[in-house]
Structure formats: C-alpha cells, structure tokens
Amino acid sequence: PIIEDIKPKNTKIEEKNEPIINEINEEKRLPYMEYIGSIFGTYLIFQSNDSMYLMDQHAAAERINYEKYYEILGNNNQPKTQLLLPIALSFTKAEAIYLEENLDKFMEIGFSLEQIGQTDFALREIPLWAKIDDLENIIYNILSMMINNKKIDIMYFRDNIAKQIACKSSIKANHRI
C-alpha cells in the first residue's frame, strides 16, 4: 500500500488487511497530515492528531504520474511536437505490415510515423509526454503490446502505457526528495 497507518503506543491497534486508500475520490479523502521527515530514503513520514503515516515515495509518485498520463493519453487533441530530425525505425516484415495497417492508432496517441522503406518508418511527430531519449523503446513497446493483444483496445493500451510511463518517471527508492 502507498500509505500505512501506525497508531501511537497508547492507542489500541486494530489490524487492517486492506490499504487505507483503494481509490482517491470525493468520498475518500486522506486526513490532514503534517510532514515530519523521511526514513531510509524511501518512506515519507507524516502525522495527524492521533496517527503516524508512512508513505512509500515511489508508490505515491507513481500513482500521481499514472493519473496524469492516463488523462493525457485519453485526450485525442494532446499537444505534440515535430522532431527536427526524424528518427528512422526498422521493424520485421510482420511488424511493418501490422504497423502500416494501424498507423491511425499511433496518430491517436500522438505519434506520427511515415513509411520510408519496406520495413522502415520515420518517426516525425511525438506527444509532449514522450521522453526523447526513450522514443524507440516506447514505439517498440506500443507495437509489441498491440500485436500481443491480437487487437487494438485503446483503453487497455491507455492503462498499460500510463503504468509504464508513470513507473519510469517516478522517484525511486534511495533518492532524496
């Protein structure tokens, strides 16, 4: 769980098998908490009037990033940028055929690819959320996910890509905040 509730010693401790937060929505809100510090470079410590909370900083950041990227990926009019120099990508024959037939799906999520050879494509435009140094992996992962699913389910894709991006972009353990 992202947050664990630890009661002071003079309070009766109740065992909880479920995390405090399953979903953050209007009905479930965290109590007011005051930041105290961090421990082991991994956990953030908070307190309220009668409790102490430990929050896994990576899990918390990943959840926040997931929500952000999930929303961005659901926006068909997300901001894009053209690359100054297109990136040439090579695929197997089967991948190239699949990609050619599904270029519109890549456009839906902000990637503009153009076929420049039998199995080569030029990546010309990318969504702003995509990291420049990881573009090839992103494209190959998206294509692999589409092929492995045997269908193109944008909602499934949106969820999985948001999870991958959120994890990679979140603070890791032993990184000081």
Protein backbone atom coordinates (compact mmCIF):
# COMPACT_ATOMS: atom_id res chain seq x y z
CA PRO A 1 0.00 0.00 0.00
CA ILE A 2 1.04 3.59 -0.55
CA ILE A 3 0.17 4.68 2.98
CA GLU A 4 0.32 2.71 6.20
CA ASP A 5 -1.36 3.92 9.37
CA ILE A 6 0.68 3.46 12.54
CA LYS A 7 -1.09 4.27 15.82
CA PRO A 8 0.85 5.62 18.83
CA LYS A 9 1.64 3.06 21.59
CA ASN A 10 -1.07 4.31 23.93
CA THR A 11 -3.79 3.70 21.33
CA LYS A 12 -5.49 0.37 20.73
CA ILE A 13 -4.15 -1.09 17.48
CA GLU A 14 -6.62 -2.54 15.04
CA GLU A 15 -5.35 -4.85 12.32
CA LYS A 16 -6.24 -3.78 8.81
CA ASN A 17 -5.82 -6.14 5.90
CA GLU A 18 -6.72 -3.55 3.29
CA PRO A 19 -4.88 -0.35 2.43
CA ILE A 20 -6.33 2.91 3.68
CA ILE A 21 -6.78 4.15 0.13
CA ASN A 22 -8.01 1.99 -2.71
CA GLU A 23 -9.13 4.91 -4.82
CA ILE A 24 -8.87 8.61 -4.30
CA ASN A 25 -12.21 10.19 -4.99
CA GLU A 26 -14.56 12.72 -3.49
CA GLU A 27 -15.83 10.29 -0.85
CA LYS A 28 -12.46 9.05 0.44
CA ARG A 29 -10.01 11.70 1.47
CA LEU A 30 -6.86 11.50 3.50
CA PRO A 31 -6.95 13.22 6.84
CA TYR A 32 -4.91 16.37 7.30
CA MET A 33 -1.29 15.28 7.75
CA GLU A 34 1.84 17.16 8.65
CA TYR A 35 5.11 16.15 7.00
CA ILE A 36 7.71 15.07 9.58
CA GLY A 37 10.59 13.68 7.52
CA SER A 38 11.80 10.65 5.62
CA ILE A 39 13.44 7.37 6.51
CA PHE A 40 15.76 5.08 4.55
CA GLY A 41 15.42 7.38 1.54
CA THR A 42 12.23 5.51 0.70
CA TYR A 43 9.44 6.40 3.09
CA LEU A 44 7.93 9.76 3.93
CA ILE A 45 6.70 10.22 7.49
CA PHE A 46 3.53 12.16 8.27
CA GLN A 47 1.48 12.65 11.41
CA SER A 48 -2.06 13.69 12.19
CA ASN A 49 -3.58 14.39 15.60
CA ASP A 50 -3.70 10.72 16.58
CA SER A 51 -1.74 8.75 13.99
CA MET A 52 1.56 8.42 12.18
CA TYR A 53 1.69 7.55 8.48
CA LEU A 54 4.45 6.07 6.35
CA MET A 55 4.17 6.73 2.65
CA ASP A 56 6.24 4.93 0.04
CA GLN A 57 7.55 7.83 -2.04
CA HIS A 58 7.90 5.80 -5.25
CA ALA A 59 4.39 4.32 -5.00
CA ALA A 60 2.88 7.73 -4.24
CA ALA A 61 4.72 9.43 -7.13
CA GLU A 62 3.83 6.56 -9.45
CA ARG A 63 0.13 6.88 -8.61
CA ILE A 64 0.18 10.63 -9.22
CA ASN A 65 2.04 10.17 -12.52
CA TYR A 66 -0.29 7.35 -13.57
CA GLU A 67 -3.36 9.58 -13.12
CA LYS A 68 -1.65 12.37 -15.08
CA TYR A 69 -0.56 10.18 -18.00
CA TYR A 70 -3.85 8.25 -18.11
CA GLU A 71 -5.67 11.55 -18.58
CA ILE A 72 -3.16 12.79 -21.16
CA LEU A 73 -3.40 9.55 -23.18
CA GLY A 74 -7.19 9.85 -23.21
CA ASN A 75 -7.02 13.26 -24.85
CA ASN A 76 -7.15 12.95 -28.65
CA ASN A 77 -6.01 16.56 -29.00
CA GLN A 78 -2.94 16.25 -26.83
CA PRO A 79 -0.05 18.59 -27.56
CA LYS A 80 2.55 17.25 -29.98
CA THR A 81 5.85 18.40 -31.28
CA GLN A 82 7.60 17.74 -34.57
CA LEU A 83 11.08 16.33 -34.41
CA LEU A 84 13.77 18.44 -36.08
CA LEU A 85 15.31 15.26 -37.42
CA PRO A 86 13.03 12.27 -37.94
CA ILE A 87 14.07 9.06 -36.23
CA ALA A 88 14.37 6.04 -38.54
CA LEU A 89 12.96 2.84 -37.08
CA SER A 90 13.34 -0.65 -38.56
CA PHE A 91 10.90 -3.47 -37.99
CA THR A 92 10.49 -7.08 -39.02
CA LYS A 93 8.31 -7.68 -42.08
CA ALA A 94 5.36 -8.80 -39.93
CA GLU A 95 5.71 -5.80 -37.60
CA ALA A 96 5.95 -3.40 -40.56
CA ILE A 97 2.76 -4.81 -42.11
CA TYR A 98 0.92 -4.53 -38.80
CA LEU A 99 2.24 -1.02 -38.23
CA GLU A 100 1.26 0.11 -41.75
CA GLU A 101 -2.29 -1.13 -41.16
CA ASN A 102 -2.53 0.65 -37.80
CA LEU A 103 -0.79 3.98 -38.31
CA ASP A 104 -4.02 5.73 -37.32
CA LYS A 105 -3.83 4.17 -33.84
CA PHE A 106 -0.38 5.67 -33.36
CA MET A 107 -1.74 9.04 -34.53
CA GLU A 108 -4.50 8.79 -31.90
CA ILE A 109 -1.87 8.75 -29.16
CA GLY A 110 0.29 11.43 -30.72
CA PHE A 111 2.92 9.59 -32.79
CA SER A 112 3.28 10.39 -36.48
CA LEU A 113 5.04 7.63 -38.40
CA GLU A 114 5.66 7.55 -42.13
CA GLN A 115 6.75 4.51 -44.10
CA ILE A 116 10.09 5.18 -45.83
CA GLY A 117 11.01 1.68 -46.92
CA GLN A 118 9.61 -1.82 -46.94
CA THR A 119 10.22 -2.30 -43.21
CA ASP A 120 11.44 1.17 -42.20
CA PHE A 121 9.44 4.06 -40.81
CA ALA A 122 10.31 7.64 -39.93
CA LEU A 123 9.05 8.97 -36.61
CA ARG A 124 8.25 12.62 -37.34
CA GLU A 125 5.96 13.84 -34.56
CA ILE A 126 5.64 12.85 -30.90
CA PRO A 127 3.38 13.72 -27.97
CA LEU A 128 4.93 16.07 -25.42
CA TRP A 129 4.81 13.42 -22.69
CA ALA A 130 7.22 11.14 -24.58
CA LYS A 131 10.84 11.30 -23.49
CA ILE A 132 13.19 11.96 -26.40
CA ASP A 133 15.84 9.55 -25.13
CA ASP A 134 13.38 6.64 -24.96
CA LEU A 135 11.36 7.07 -28.17
CA GLU A 136 12.47 3.87 -29.88
CA ASN A 137 11.59 1.76 -26.83
CA ILE A 138 8.23 3.49 -26.49
CA ILE A 139 7.31 2.75 -30.14
CA TYR A 140 8.53 -0.86 -29.97
CA ASN A 141 6.67 -1.43 -26.67
CA ILE A 142 3.44 0.03 -28.04
CA LEU A 143 3.67 -2.09 -31.19
CA SER A 144 4.51 -5.21 -29.19
CA MET A 145 1.55 -4.62 -26.89
CA MET A 146 -0.78 -4.17 -29.86
CA ILE A 147 0.46 -7.33 -31.59
CA ASN A 148 0.38 -9.46 -28.42
CA ASN A 149 -3.20 -8.44 -27.67
CA LYS A 150 -4.27 -9.53 -31.16
CA LYS A 151 -6.50 -6.47 -31.19
CA ILE A 152 -6.21 -2.80 -30.57
CA ASP A 153 -8.04 -1.86 -27.42
CA ILE A 154 -7.27 1.80 -26.79
CA MET A 155 -8.50 1.63 -23.17
CA TYR A 156 -6.22 -1.34 -22.38
CA PHE A 157 -3.37 0.36 -24.19
CA ARG A 158 -4.00 3.66 -22.41
CA ASP A 159 -3.93 1.96 -18.99
CA ASN A 160 -0.77 -0.06 -19.64
CA ILE A 161 1.23 2.72 -21.27
CA ALA A 162 0.22 5.09 -18.45
CA LYS A 163 1.50 2.50 -15.93
CA GLN A 164 4.82 2.07 -17.77
CA ILE A 165 5.44 5.79 -18.15
CA ALA A 166 4.39 6.50 -14.56
CA CYS A 167 6.76 3.91 -13.13
CA LYS A 168 9.75 5.02 -15.19
CA SER A 169 9.21 8.70 -14.46
CA SER A 170 8.64 8.35 -10.69
CA ILE A 171 11.21 8.94 -7.98
CA LYS A 172 12.95 5.72 -6.97
CA ALA A 173 13.93 4.38 -3.57
CA ASN A 174 17.04 5.94 -2.01
CA HIS A 175 16.59 9.17 -3.97
CA ARG A 176 16.27 12.07 -1.62
CA ILE A 177 13.41 14.47 -2.14
